[in-house]
Amino acid sequence: MSVTETLIAMGFPEAAAKAAAGNNRNLDQALNYIENDGVGFENEGESSSGASSSSTSAAEAASPENRAIPAVAAGFKCEDCGAFLSNDDEMVRHAGQTKHGNFSQCDQPDIDDSREPLFQLPPMTEEEKVAKAKEICDKIQKARDLKDKKKTEEEKQELMERREEKTAMLSLREEAREREIKEAAAQLRRQKVEDEAAREKIREQIRLDREERKAKLTPMPPKVAKVEVAAPVRDHSSTTLQIRLLDGKMVRQEFKTIEPLVMVRAWIETNQPVGSSFSLMTPFPRREFSDDDMGTSLLELKLVPTANIVVINRGVPAVAAPEEAVPTEPTNEPAAQ
């Protein structure tokens, strides 16, 4: 029974069975073809077109130089019956049906051997055919489900990518719109500032024009020459002292600023005897002069141009001068002798 008839007997459509059995495929290859929907078998024509080159390569492989290179086994050979088994599944099935256990790898079936093989693989039973067809259909359905699932995931991923691209595009458009609004607002503010500056310039020009017309209509007043008056130079060569004696009497006397304080004390002792030892002090600012101050000039003691001097008993704490004793300006009245 051919591979096509076996596939049709297993329940596959005739067209699918013929396509699967093409290119001299064996049953396992045909089942793999059906199981994978022909995927991976597109280049078989190219491989068949290179048969001549393959034969040349085989001849080269048979040369003495290449005999030492081990070749890949094309199948298995049962040493008990001489049957050639193309794959592991046939070897396992053969061992289960015949109880043979002596197998070896074989590059190709021995076509020059004239003796008949001791054992022929029995054809598949109806139950095996149905089970094999069901197994293949289950694999095909599983492959289709996996393909549909992968396609669904790809469509979902593509949809998510399109959504992300749309979101990014909307975000870019929104950012561009915000930039345009900000630029328009900035341009409006700049235009407003420029207009206000132009209006202010026009108002200033109008004010200047009015002042110019008013100046032309108003007669100019005669110019008055400014006379600079020199500030009076104060003469600090003399100072007037107002002296309060122990009995409360007030006397005035003019002294030269270069004279020491001891001259004031001598004038008091000579012209206004107080009858006891005394000291001199100023009420404002409060300061009692010591013996060391007697040799200091009145100018250095800042008793110019006028000052108040209070005579106090030596050894008696000085009291503040009454409030009416305030500095007075020098007068031209003669001092009391």
Protein backbone atom coordinates (compact mmCIF):
# COMPACT_ATOMS: atom_id res chain seq x y z
CA MET A 1 0.00 0.00 0.00
CA SER A 2 1.43 3.39 -0.98
CA VAL A 3 1.85 6.32 1.39
CA THR A 4 -1.04 8.19 -0.31
CA GLU A 5 -3.39 5.21 0.10
CA THR A 6 -2.30 4.79 3.71
CA LEU A 7 -3.09 8.45 4.45
CA ILE A 8 -6.47 8.20 2.71
CA ALA A 9 -7.20 5.04 4.70
CA MET A 10 -6.33 6.98 7.89
CA GLY A 11 -9.12 9.46 7.03
CA PHE A 12 -7.19 12.35 5.46
CA PRO A 13 -8.56 14.05 2.31
CA GLU A 14 -7.16 12.79 -0.99
CA ALA A 15 -5.67 16.18 -1.97
CA ALA A 16 -3.93 16.54 1.39
CA ALA A 17 -2.68 12.93 1.21
CA LYS A 18 -1.22 13.45 -2.28
CA ALA A 19 0.47 16.71 -1.26
CA ALA A 20 1.93 15.10 1.86
CA ALA A 21 3.19 12.03 -0.06
CA GLY A 22 4.88 14.16 -2.74
CA ASN A 23 8.65 14.25 -3.30
CA ASN A 24 8.83 10.52 -2.41
CA ARG A 25 8.18 11.14 1.29
CA ASN A 26 7.76 8.16 3.57
CA LEU A 27 4.84 7.81 5.95
CA ASP A 28 6.49 9.64 8.86
CA GLN A 29 7.56 12.52 6.64
CA ALA A 30 4.06 12.73 5.15
CA LEU A 31 2.53 12.77 8.63
CA ASN A 32 4.98 15.53 9.64
CA TYR A 33 3.98 17.44 6.52
CA ILE A 34 0.28 17.22 7.47
CA GLU A 35 1.03 17.98 11.09
CA ASN A 36 2.93 21.21 10.21
CA ASP A 37 0.59 22.23 7.33
CA GLY A 38 3.50 21.99 4.90
CA VAL A 39 5.61 24.51 6.83
CA GLY A 40 9.31 23.74 6.47
CA PHE A 41 8.93 21.65 3.30
CA GLU A 42 9.01 24.54 0.82
CA ASN A 43 12.70 24.05 -0.12
CA GLU A 44 12.51 20.37 -0.89
CA GLY A 45 12.51 21.12 -4.62
CA GLU A 46 15.80 22.91 -4.33
CA SER A 47 17.27 20.00 -2.42
CA SER A 48 16.01 17.56 -5.09
CA SER A 49 17.46 19.75 -7.86
CA GLY A 50 20.85 19.33 -6.25
CA ALA A 51 20.75 15.56 -6.43
CA SER A 52 23.53 15.44 -8.98
CA SER A 53 25.79 17.45 -6.74
CA SER A 54 24.81 15.20 -3.85
CA SER A 55 25.83 12.15 -5.83
CA THR A 56 29.14 13.80 -6.62
CA SER A 57 29.60 14.55 -2.93
CA ALA A 58 28.76 10.93 -2.14
CA ALA A 59 31.40 9.80 -4.59
CA GLU A 60 33.91 12.07 -2.98
CA ALA A 61 32.92 10.76 0.42
CA ALA A 62 33.58 7.25 -0.83
CA SER A 63 37.15 8.20 -1.74
CA PRO A 64 39.94 6.70 0.39
CA GLU A 65 40.76 10.10 1.87
CA ASN A 66 37.25 10.59 3.30
CA ARG A 67 36.52 7.06 4.44
CA ALA A 68 37.90 7.83 7.87
CA ILE A 69 35.23 10.49 8.43
CA PRO A 70 32.19 8.95 10.13
CA ALA A 71 28.90 9.47 8.26
CA VAL A 72 25.56 10.23 9.86
CA ALA A 73 23.34 7.15 10.03
CA ALA A 74 20.24 7.30 7.83
CA GLY A 75 18.34 4.70 9.88
CA PHE A 76 18.56 1.44 11.75
CA LYS A 77 18.92 -2.19 10.64
CA CYS A 78 17.50 -5.15 12.50
CA GLU A 79 20.31 -7.72 12.66
CA ASP A 80 17.76 -10.46 13.41
CA CYS A 81 15.64 -10.08 10.29
CA GLY A 82 17.57 -7.55 8.11
CA ALA A 83 14.72 -4.99 8.05
CA PHE A 84 15.68 -1.33 7.47
CA LEU A 85 14.02 1.10 9.91
CA SER A 86 14.15 4.77 9.00
CA ASN A 87 13.66 6.27 12.49
CA ASP A 88 13.34 5.53 16.19
CA ASP A 89 9.56 5.14 16.11
CA GLU A 90 9.76 2.35 13.50
CA MET A 91 12.53 0.69 15.47
CA VAL A 92 10.46 0.76 18.68
CA ARG A 93 7.34 -0.46 16.92
CA HIS A 94 9.33 -3.25 15.17
CA ALA A 95 10.83 -4.33 18.47
CA GLY A 96 7.40 -4.40 20.09
CA GLN A 97 5.83 -6.46 17.32
CA THR A 98 8.68 -8.89 16.66
CA LYS A 99 10.43 -9.05 20.01
CA HIS A 100 13.73 -8.40 18.18
CA GLY A 101 16.34 -6.50 20.14
CA ASN A 102 19.48 -6.55 18.01
CA PHE A 103 19.68 -3.25 16.04
CA SER A 104 22.51 -1.30 14.48
CA GLN A 105 22.83 2.00 12.73
CA CYS A 106 22.72 1.90 8.96
CA ASP A 107 23.52 4.62 6.44
CA GLN A 108 21.09 3.28 3.82
CA PRO A 109 19.33 0.03 3.00
CA ASP A 110 21.52 -2.55 1.27
CA ILE A 111 20.02 -2.45 -2.25
CA ASP A 112 22.69 -4.75 -3.69
CA ASP A 113 21.73 -7.54 -1.30
CA SER A 114 19.64 -10.01 -3.30
CA ARG A 115 18.32 -11.89 -0.33
CA GLU A 116 14.88 -11.00 0.86
CA PRO A 117 14.51 -9.48 4.28
CA LEU A 118 13.52 -11.97 6.87
CA PHE A 119 10.70 -9.74 8.17
CA GLN A 120 8.32 -7.24 6.65
CA LEU A 121 6.58 -4.65 8.87
CA PRO A 122 2.93 -5.51 9.00
CA PRO A 123 0.50 -2.85 7.80
CA MET A 124 -1.14 -0.62 10.40
CA THR A 125 -4.41 -1.89 11.78
CA GLU A 126 -7.56 0.21 11.66
CA GLU A 127 -7.25 1.03 15.36
CA GLU A 128 -3.64 2.19 14.85
CA LYS A 129 -4.64 4.26 11.87
CA VAL A 130 -7.47 5.93 13.81
CA ALA A 131 -5.24 6.51 16.84
CA LYS A 132 -2.46 7.90 14.63
CA ALA A 133 -4.91 10.13 12.75
CA LYS A 134 -6.40 11.34 16.05
CA GLU A 135 -2.93 12.05 17.41
CA ILE A 136 -2.03 14.00 14.29
CA CYS A 137 -5.35 15.89 14.36
CA ASP A 138 -4.79 16.76 18.02
CA LYS A 139 -1.28 18.01 17.22
CA ILE A 140 -2.61 20.02 14.29
CA GLN A 141 -5.37 21.52 16.44
CA LYS A 142 -2.89 22.30 19.20
CA ALA A 143 -0.58 23.94 16.68
CA ARG A 144 -3.49 25.96 15.30
CA ASP A 145 -4.56 27.00 18.80
CA LEU A 146 -1.01 28.02 19.60
CA LYS A 147 -0.81 29.94 16.33
CA ASP A 148 -4.18 31.65 17.02
CA LYS A 149 -3.08 32.50 20.55
CA LYS A 150 0.19 33.94 19.27
CA LYS A 151 -1.70 35.90 16.62
CA THR A 152 -4.11 37.23 19.28
CA GLU A 153 -1.21 38.29 21.51
CA GLU A 154 0.48 39.98 18.55
CA GLU A 155 -2.74 41.83 17.68
CA LYS A 156 -3.14 42.85 21.32
CA GLN A 157 0.47 44.07 21.46
CA GLU A 158 0.00 45.94 18.19
CA LEU A 159 -3.18 47.53 19.54
CA MET A 160 -1.37 48.62 22.72
CA GLU A 161 1.47 50.07 20.64
CA ARG A 162 -1.02 51.99 18.49
CA ARG A 163 -2.70 53.32 21.63
CA GLU A 164 0.65 54.39 23.07
CA GLU A 165 1.56 56.09 19.80
CA LYS A 166 -1.81 57.85 19.75
CA THR A 167 -1.37 58.96 23.36
CA ALA A 168 2.13 60.24 22.63
CA MET A 169 0.86 62.08 19.55
CA LEU A 170 -1.95 63.71 21.56
CA SER A 171 0.56 64.70 24.25
CA LEU A 172 2.84 66.26 21.65
CA ARG A 173 -0.07 68.15 20.14
CA GLU A 174 -1.15 69.40 23.56
CA GLU A 175 2.39 70.55 24.37
CA ALA A 176 2.64 72.33 21.03
CA ARG A 177 -0.71 74.03 21.65
CA GLU A 178 0.38 75.16 25.13
CA ARG A 179 3.61 76.57 23.67
CA GLU A 180 1.64 78.46 21.04
CA ILE A 181 -0.67 79.89 23.71
CA LYS A 182 2.28 80.96 25.89
CA GLU A 183 4.06 82.54 22.92
CA ALA A 184 0.90 84.39 21.92
CA ALA A 185 0.43 85.67 25.50
CA ALA A 186 4.07 86.81 25.65
CA GLN A 187 3.72 88.57 22.30
CA LEU A 188 0.56 90.30 23.54
CA ARG A 189 2.35 91.49 26.70
CA ARG A 190 5.28 92.78 24.70
CA GLN A 191 2.94 94.60 22.33
CA LYS A 192 1.09 96.12 25.29
CA VAL A 193 4.35 97.36 26.84
CA GLU A 194 5.48 98.83 23.52
CA ASP A 195 2.11 100.59 23.02
CA GLU A 196 2.24 102.02 26.54
CA ALA A 197 5.79 103.27 25.97
CA ALA A 198 4.70 104.91 22.69
CA ARG A 199 1.73 106.60 24.41
CA GLU A 200 3.98 107.82 27.22
CA LYS A 201 6.39 109.25 24.68
CA ILE A 202 3.54 111.07 22.92
CA ARG A 203 2.26 112.48 26.24
CA GLU A 204 5.74 113.69 27.14
CA GLN A 205 6.11 115.35 23.75
CA ILE A 206 2.73 117.08 24.19
CA ARG A 207 3.78 118.33 27.64
CA LEU A 208 7.03 119.74 26.27
CA ASP A 209 5.17 121.43 23.41
CA ARG A 210 2.75 123.05 25.87
CA GLU A 211 5.57 124.28 28.08
CA GLU A 212 7.35 125.67 25.04
CA ARG A 213 4.23 127.56 23.87
CA LYS A 214 3.60 128.82 27.38
CA ALA A 215 7.20 130.05 27.64
CA LYS A 216 6.82 131.89 24.36
CA LEU A 217 3.64 133.65 25.56
CA THR A 218 4.99 134.51 29.05
CA PRO A 219 7.50 137.46 29.23
CA MET A 220 10.82 136.54 30.73
CA PRO A 221 11.51 138.21 34.13
CA PRO A 222 14.68 140.26 34.38
CA LYS A 223 17.63 138.36 35.59
CA VAL A 224 18.84 139.28 39.07
CA ALA A 225 22.50 138.83 39.73
CA LYS A 226 23.17 136.67 42.70
CA VAL A 227 25.30 138.26 45.37
CA GLU A 228 27.20 135.89 47.50
CA VAL A 229 27.39 137.00 51.12
CA ALA A 230 30.37 135.71 52.95
CA ALA A 231 29.67 134.06 56.25
CA PRO A 232 30.83 136.12 59.21
CA VAL A 233 34.10 134.98 60.62
CA ARG A 234 33.81 134.44 64.34
CA ASP A 235 36.62 135.75 66.43
CA HIS A 236 37.51 133.31 69.19
CA SER A 237 40.36 135.41 70.53
CA SER A 238 38.29 136.31 73.63
CA THR A 239 35.52 134.70 75.64
CA THR A 240 32.96 135.96 78.15
CA LEU A 241 32.59 134.01 81.39
CA GLN A 242 29.54 134.31 83.67
CA ILE A 243 30.75 133.46 87.17
CA ARG A 244 28.45 132.49 90.06
CA LEU A 245 30.06 133.25 93.42
CA LEU A 246 29.52 131.44 96.70
CA ASP A 247 26.87 133.91 97.80
CA GLY A 248 24.94 133.46 94.57
CA LYS A 249 26.03 136.69 92.99
CA MET A 250 26.52 136.62 89.23
CA VAL A 251 29.42 138.52 87.61
CA ARG A 252 30.68 138.66 84.02
CA GLN A 253 34.22 139.05 82.85
CA GLU A 254 35.94 138.81 79.48
CA PHE A 255 39.18 136.87 79.18
CA LYS A 256 41.49 135.99 76.31
CA THR A 257 41.07 132.42 75.08
CA ILE A 258 44.78 131.77 75.27
CA GLU A 259 44.84 132.59 79.02
CA PRO A 260 44.97 129.61 81.39
CA LEU A 261 42.19 128.81 83.85
CA VAL A 262 44.40 129.95 86.71
CA MET A 263 43.95 133.57 85.47
CA VAL A 264 40.20 133.21 86.08
CA ARG A 265 40.88 131.93 89.59
CA ALA A 266 43.29 134.78 90.25
CA TRP A 267 40.75 137.34 89.00
CA ILE A 268 38.13 135.90 91.40
CA GLU A 269 40.52 135.98 94.35
CA THR A 270 41.56 139.56 93.54
CA ASN A 271 38.26 141.23 92.65
CA GLN A 272 35.69 139.07 94.44
CA PRO A 273 37.22 137.69 97.61
CA VAL A 274 35.29 134.66 98.79
CA GLY A 275 37.17 134.25 102.07
CA SER A 276 37.86 130.50 101.82
CA SER A 277 39.43 127.96 99.53
CA PHE A 278 37.26 127.14 96.55
CA SER A 279 37.12 125.20 93.29
CA LEU A 280 35.68 125.95 89.87
CA MET A 281 33.20 123.87 87.87
CA THR A 282 30.87 124.08 84.85
CA PRO A 283 27.23 123.01 85.24
CA PHE A 284 26.63 122.12 81.58
CA PRO A 285 28.34 119.80 81.00
CA ARG A 286 29.02 119.08 84.65
CA ARG A 287 32.78 119.17 85.27
CA GLU A 288 34.86 120.16 88.28
CA PHE A 289 38.29 121.47 87.38
CA SER A 290 41.28 120.09 89.23
CA ASP A 291 44.67 121.66 89.94
CA ASP A 292 45.98 119.97 86.76
CA ASP A 293 43.45 121.93 84.68
CA MET A 294 44.67 125.30 85.98
CA GLY A 295 47.48 125.47 83.42
CA THR A 296 45.15 124.67 80.46
CA SER A 297 43.94 127.49 78.24
CA LEU A 298 40.28 128.47 78.09
CA LEU A 299 40.19 127.49 74.38
CA GLU A 300 41.40 123.99 75.12
CA LEU A 301 38.84 123.69 77.94
CA LYS A 302 36.13 124.69 75.40
CA LEU A 303 35.06 127.71 77.46
CA VAL A 304 34.49 129.82 74.32
CA PRO A 305 32.83 132.04 73.16
CA THR A 306 30.81 132.06 76.43
CA ALA A 307 30.61 129.77 79.45
CA ASN A 308 29.22 129.51 82.97
CA ILE A 309 31.59 129.05 85.91
CA VAL A 310 30.36 128.11 89.41
CA VAL A 311 32.51 128.75 92.49
CA ILE A 312 32.16 125.99 95.10
CA ASN A 313 33.77 125.40 98.47
CA ARG A 314 36.64 122.97 98.28
CA GLY A 315 35.88 119.77 100.16
CA VAL A 316 32.10 120.29 99.87
CA PRO A 317 30.33 118.11 97.28
CA ALA A 318 29.39 120.18 94.29
CA VAL A 319 25.71 120.64 93.59
CA ALA A 320 24.14 121.24 90.29
CA ALA A 321 23.72 124.82 89.35
CA PRO A 322 20.20 126.20 89.40
CA GLU A 323 18.30 125.94 86.13
CA GLU A 324 18.32 129.68 85.56
CA ALA A 325 22.09 129.66 85.17
CA VAL A 326 22.21 129.23 81.40
CA PRO A 327 24.90 130.35 78.96
CA THR A 328 24.42 133.82 77.62
CA GLU A 329 25.78 135.52 74.57
CA PRO A 330 28.60 138.02 75.12
CA THR A 331 27.49 141.62 75.43
CA ASN A 332 29.27 144.88 75.04
CA GLU A 333 28.43 145.95 78.62
CA PRO A 334 31.50 146.68 80.79
CA ALA A 335 32.35 143.96 83.22
CA ALA A 336 31.78 144.59 86.94
CA GLN A 337 34.96 145.49 88.77
